Protein backbone atom coordinates (compact mmCIF):
# COMPACT_ATOMS: atom_id res chain seq x y z
CA UNK A 1 37.65 90.53 -10.77
CA UNK A 2 41.26 90.09 -9.69
CA UNK A 3 42.93 86.78 -8.85
CA UNK A 4 43.14 87.84 -5.19
CA UNK A 5 39.41 88.43 -5.05
CA UNK A 6 38.72 85.13 -6.79
CA UNK A 7 40.82 83.25 -4.25
CA UNK A 8 39.00 84.84 -1.33
CA UNK A 9 35.45 84.67 -2.66
CA UNK A 10 33.02 83.87 0.15
CA UNK A 11 30.58 80.99 -0.04
CA UNK A 12 27.48 82.36 -1.74
CA UNK A 13 23.89 81.95 -0.56
CA UNK A 14 24.97 80.12 2.60
CA UNK A 15 22.18 77.89 3.84
CA UNK A 16 20.27 78.27 0.58
CA UNK A 17 20.32 76.23 -2.64
CA UNK A 18 22.96 77.06 -5.22
CA UNK A 19 23.17 74.68 -8.14
CA UNK A 20 25.49 75.81 -10.92
CA UNK A 21 24.71 73.77 -14.04
CA UNK A 22 27.39 73.79 -16.73
CA UNK A 23 27.01 72.09 -20.11
CA UNK A 24 29.37 72.01 -23.06
CA UNK A 25 30.96 69.97 -25.84
CA UNK A 26 34.07 67.80 -25.52
CA UNK A 27 37.28 69.72 -24.95
CA UNK A 28 35.54 72.90 -23.85
CA UNK A 29 37.25 72.67 -20.47
CA UNK A 30 34.04 72.19 -18.52
CA UNK A 31 35.41 69.56 -16.13
CA UNK A 32 38.49 71.48 -14.99
CA UNK A 33 36.67 74.82 -14.96
CA UNK A 34 33.64 73.42 -13.13
CA UNK A 35 35.84 71.78 -10.51
CA UNK A 36 37.69 75.03 -9.85
CA UNK A 37 34.44 77.02 -9.71
CA UNK A 38 33.15 74.53 -7.13
CA UNK A 39 36.34 74.90 -5.11
CA UNK A 40 36.19 78.68 -5.14
CA UNK A 41 32.49 78.73 -4.16
CA UNK A 42 32.86 75.94 -1.58
CA UNK A 43 30.32 73.76 -3.34
CA UNK A 44 30.19 70.05 -4.06
CA UNK A 45 31.12 68.97 -7.58
CA UNK A 46 29.64 66.36 -9.91
CA UNK A 47 31.21 65.17 -13.16
CA UNK A 48 28.28 63.42 -14.82
CA UNK A 49 30.47 62.38 -17.75
CA UNK A 50 32.46 60.19 -15.36
CA UNK A 51 29.24 58.33 -14.57
CA UNK A 52 28.69 57.49 -18.25
CA UNK A 53 32.32 56.46 -18.58
CA UNK A 54 32.07 54.26 -15.48
CA UNK A 55 29.00 52.56 -16.89
CA UNK A 56 30.81 52.04 -20.18
CA UNK A 57 33.77 50.48 -18.37
CA UNK A 58 31.36 48.23 -16.45
CA UNK A 59 29.63 47.09 -19.66
CA UNK A 60 32.92 46.43 -21.44
CA UNK A 61 34.35 44.55 -18.45
CA UNK A 62 31.24 42.36 -18.33
CA UNK A 63 31.25 41.73 -22.07
CA UNK A 64 27.89 43.42 -22.55
CA UNK A 65 26.96 44.25 -26.14
CA UNK A 66 26.77 48.05 -26.24
CA UNK A 67 24.23 47.83 -29.06
CA UNK A 68 21.87 45.84 -26.80
CA UNK A 69 19.93 48.71 -25.27
CA UNK A 70 18.05 46.49 -22.81
CA UNK A 71 21.29 44.99 -21.51
CA UNK A 72 22.94 48.41 -21.17
CA UNK A 73 19.88 49.74 -19.36
CA UNK A 74 19.99 46.80 -16.93
CA UNK A 75 23.71 47.39 -16.42
CA UNK A 76 22.93 51.00 -15.46
CA UNK A 77 20.59 49.75 -12.75
CA UNK A 78 23.10 47.13 -11.56
CA UNK A 79 26.07 49.53 -11.48
CA UNK A 80 27.61 49.86 -8.01
CA UNK A 81 29.26 53.25 -8.27
CA UNK A 82 31.27 55.41 -5.88
CA UNK A 83 32.07 58.84 -7.24
CA UNK A 84 33.85 61.74 -5.59
CA UNK A 85 31.68 64.82 -5.15
CA UNK A 86 34.50 66.96 -3.79
CA UNK A 87 36.44 69.36 -6.02
CA UNK A 88 39.53 68.57 -3.93
CA UNK A 89 39.83 64.90 -4.84
CA UNK A 90 39.01 62.61 -7.73
CA UNK A 91 38.04 58.97 -7.62
CA UNK A 92 35.67 56.67 -9.44
CA UNK A 93 35.06 53.14 -8.18
CA UNK A 94 32.93 50.40 -9.69
CA UNK A 95 32.17 47.46 -7.41
CA UNK A 96 35.03 48.65 -5.23
CA UNK A 97 37.51 48.71 -8.13
CA UNK A 98 39.32 52.02 -8.71
CA UNK A 99 38.64 52.95 -12.35
CA UNK A 100 39.59 56.62 -12.09
CA UNK A 101 42.26 56.31 -14.78
CA UNK A 102 40.76 53.39 -16.68
CA UNK A 103 37.63 55.31 -17.67
CA UNK A 104 39.79 57.89 -19.47
CA UNK A 105 41.46 55.33 -21.71
CA UNK A 106 40.88 55.73 -25.49
CA UNK A 107 38.92 52.45 -25.66
CA UNK A 108 36.36 53.79 -23.20
CA UNK A 109 36.32 57.24 -24.80
CA UNK A 110 35.50 55.69 -28.17
CA UNK A 111 32.70 53.53 -26.71
CA UNK A 112 31.03 55.90 -24.28
CA UNK A 113 28.67 57.44 -26.84
CA UNK A 114 27.00 54.07 -27.42
CA UNK A 115 26.12 53.99 -23.73
CA UNK A 116 25.30 57.70 -23.41
CA UNK A 117 22.78 57.49 -26.26
CA UNK A 118 20.94 54.54 -24.69
CA UNK A 119 17.87 56.32 -23.36
CA UNK A 120 17.07 53.83 -20.61
CA UNK A 121 20.61 54.09 -19.25
CA UNK A 122 20.43 57.89 -19.40
CA UNK A 123 17.21 57.83 -17.42
CA UNK A 124 18.81 55.78 -14.65
CA UNK A 125 21.94 57.90 -14.46
CA UNK A 126 19.91 61.11 -14.48
CA UNK A 127 17.94 59.73 -11.54
CA UNK A 128 21.21 59.13 -9.68
CA UNK A 129 22.51 62.59 -10.56
CA UNK A 130 19.41 64.25 -9.16
CA UNK A 131 19.73 62.17 -6.00
CA UNK A 132 23.29 63.39 -5.53
CA UNK A 133 22.24 67.01 -6.00
CA UNK A 134 19.60 66.60 -3.31
CA UNK A 135 22.02 64.74 -1.03
CA UNK A 136 24.23 67.83 -1.07
CA UNK A 137 21.28 70.09 -0.23
CA UNK A 138 21.26 71.50 -3.74
CA UNK A 139 24.67 73.18 -3.28
CA UNK A 140 26.71 71.77 -6.14
CA UNK A 141 28.38 72.52 -9.44
CA UNK A 142 27.13 69.92 -11.91
CA UNK A 143 28.65 69.58 -15.35
CA UNK A 144 27.84 67.52 -18.41
CA UNK A 145 25.80 67.77 -21.57
CA UNK A 146 22.18 67.90 -20.45
CA UNK A 147 22.42 69.52 -17.02
CA UNK A 148 20.92 72.91 -17.89
CA UNK A 149 17.95 71.42 -19.74
CA UNK A 150 17.26 67.95 -18.30
CA UNK A 151 19.06 67.13 -15.05
CA UNK A 152 18.72 70.51 -13.31
CA UNK A 153 16.65 72.90 -15.44
CA UNK A 154 15.74 74.77 -12.25
CA UNK A 155 19.37 75.42 -11.28
CA UNK A 156 20.06 78.86 -9.86
CA UNK A 157 22.78 79.40 -12.49
CA UNK A 158 22.84 77.72 -15.91
CA UNK A 159 25.78 78.08 -18.23
CA UNK A 160 26.95 76.73 -21.60
CA UNK A 161 30.74 76.60 -21.77
CA UNK A 162 31.91 76.35 -25.34
CA UNK A 163 34.95 76.96 -27.54
CA UNK A 164 35.95 76.72 -31.17
CA UNK A 165 36.70 73.28 -32.60
CA UNK A 166 40.35 74.27 -33.04
CA UNK A 167 40.65 75.28 -29.39
CA UNK A 168 38.89 72.15 -28.17
CA UNK A 169 41.09 69.82 -30.19
CA UNK A 170 44.22 71.62 -28.99
CA UNK A 171 43.17 71.44 -25.35
CA UNK A 172 42.23 67.78 -25.49
CA UNK A 173 45.55 67.01 -27.15
CA UNK A 174 47.41 68.76 -24.34
CA UNK A 175 45.27 67.02 -21.72
CA UNK A 176 46.20 63.64 -23.20
CA UNK A 177 49.89 64.53 -23.23
CA UNK A 178 50.27 64.24 -27.00
CA UNK A 179 49.48 60.52 -26.93
CA UNK A 180 46.71 60.76 -29.55
CA UNK A 181 47.05 61.50 -33.25
CA UNK A 182 44.75 63.89 -35.10
CA UNK A 183 42.30 61.15 -36.07
CA UNK A 184 42.05 59.87 -32.50
CA UNK A 185 41.55 63.38 -31.16
CA UNK A 186 38.79 64.02 -33.68
CA UNK A 187 37.08 60.79 -32.61
CA UNK A 188 37.22 61.86 -28.97
CA UNK A 189 35.98 65.37 -29.58
CA UNK A 190 34.00 66.12 -32.73
CA UNK A 191 32.83 62.61 -33.59
CA UNK A 192 31.60 61.94 -30.08
CA UNK A 193 29.80 65.27 -29.98
CA UNK A 194 28.03 64.41 -33.22
CA UNK A 195 26.82 61.08 -31.79
CA UNK A 196 25.75 62.47 -28.44
CA UNK A 197 23.89 65.39 -29.99
CA UNK A 198 21.36 62.88 -31.31
CA UNK A 199 19.85 62.67 -27.81
CA UNK A 200 20.70 66.03 -26.22
CA UNK A 201 21.52 69.52 -27.45
CA UNK A 202 24.67 70.90 -25.81
CA UNK A 203 25.87 73.14 -28.63
CA UNK A 204 23.35 75.97 -28.29
CA UNK A 205 22.20 77.63 -25.11
CA UNK A 206 18.57 77.09 -24.17
CA UNK A 207 16.45 79.98 -22.96
CA UNK A 208 17.87 81.40 -19.74
CA UNK A 209 21.27 79.73 -20.20
CA UNK A 210 24.31 82.05 -20.35
CA UNK A 211 26.95 81.22 -22.97
CA UNK A 212 30.65 81.46 -22.09
CA UNK A 213 32.95 81.16 -25.11
CA UNK A 214 36.44 80.33 -23.90
CA UNK A 215 38.11 80.07 -27.32
CA UNK A 216 40.44 82.99 -26.60
CA UNK A 217 40.67 82.57 -22.83
CA UNK A 218 43.16 80.63 -20.77
CA UNK A 219 42.12 78.51 -17.80
CA UNK A 220 42.30 81.24 -15.15
CA UNK A 221 40.46 83.69 -17.39
CA UNK A 222 37.72 81.15 -18.05
CA UNK A 223 37.28 80.44 -14.35
CA UNK A 224 37.12 84.16 -13.66
CA UNK A 225 34.52 84.67 -16.39
CA UNK A 226 32.43 81.78 -15.05
CA UNK A 227 32.49 83.24 -11.54
CA UNK A 228 31.45 86.62 -12.88
CA UNK A 229 28.47 84.96 -14.58
CA UNK A 230 27.52 83.24 -11.31
CA UNK A 231 27.62 86.47 -9.33
CA UNK A 232 25.76 88.46 -11.99
CA UNK A 233 22.99 85.89 -12.28
CA UNK A 234 22.58 85.70 -8.51
CA UNK A 235 22.60 89.49 -8.15
CA UNK A 236 19.88 89.69 -10.78
CA UNK A 237 17.53 87.50 -8.73
């Protein structure tokens, strides 16, 4: 599939549901790849990880003990969240406050697992994620860690985007502009994955989920491979 064809891909299954569920570990490139896939296919886009980060920011700003599962669960219900669902723009607002950049700060990255592994909070955010999918008439690329198995197990296309640990650490380091040392990068990538895997499996593809290993692919190649998977899965139906 050439770049020209990718840029002129028509909207698929017009008027019919098309949920593309993409899971993967930290640093696999799932956010940037998912956003571009959504743009190419003219679908809405949902970064579920941003929701967990926004909730973490909210808890930290309110001084909520992240080890207090009941308090974190209540915070998830109280959270007033505005989140972009367009692949063409990015914003996250909590109670009207723009936290788009703040939720990517190292302090939030290091704390988000405590929130993401609080089951009551996960339940509330999953409910919101499903609502957003329905709001967009089930035409959306949704990415995270439990999308293919929990949030949208009935998605028309389900994909696990993965990469080697070396590749993921390198990419995250580039994404952060070289501002993190090796220990900080490891905490953001491998350590967080280890914590989050206690509540959801995003390292191995479940039955019916197609694996895309991007270890040796650049961004454009990964997007192209993802779009090929989408078209092949849809043509198989």
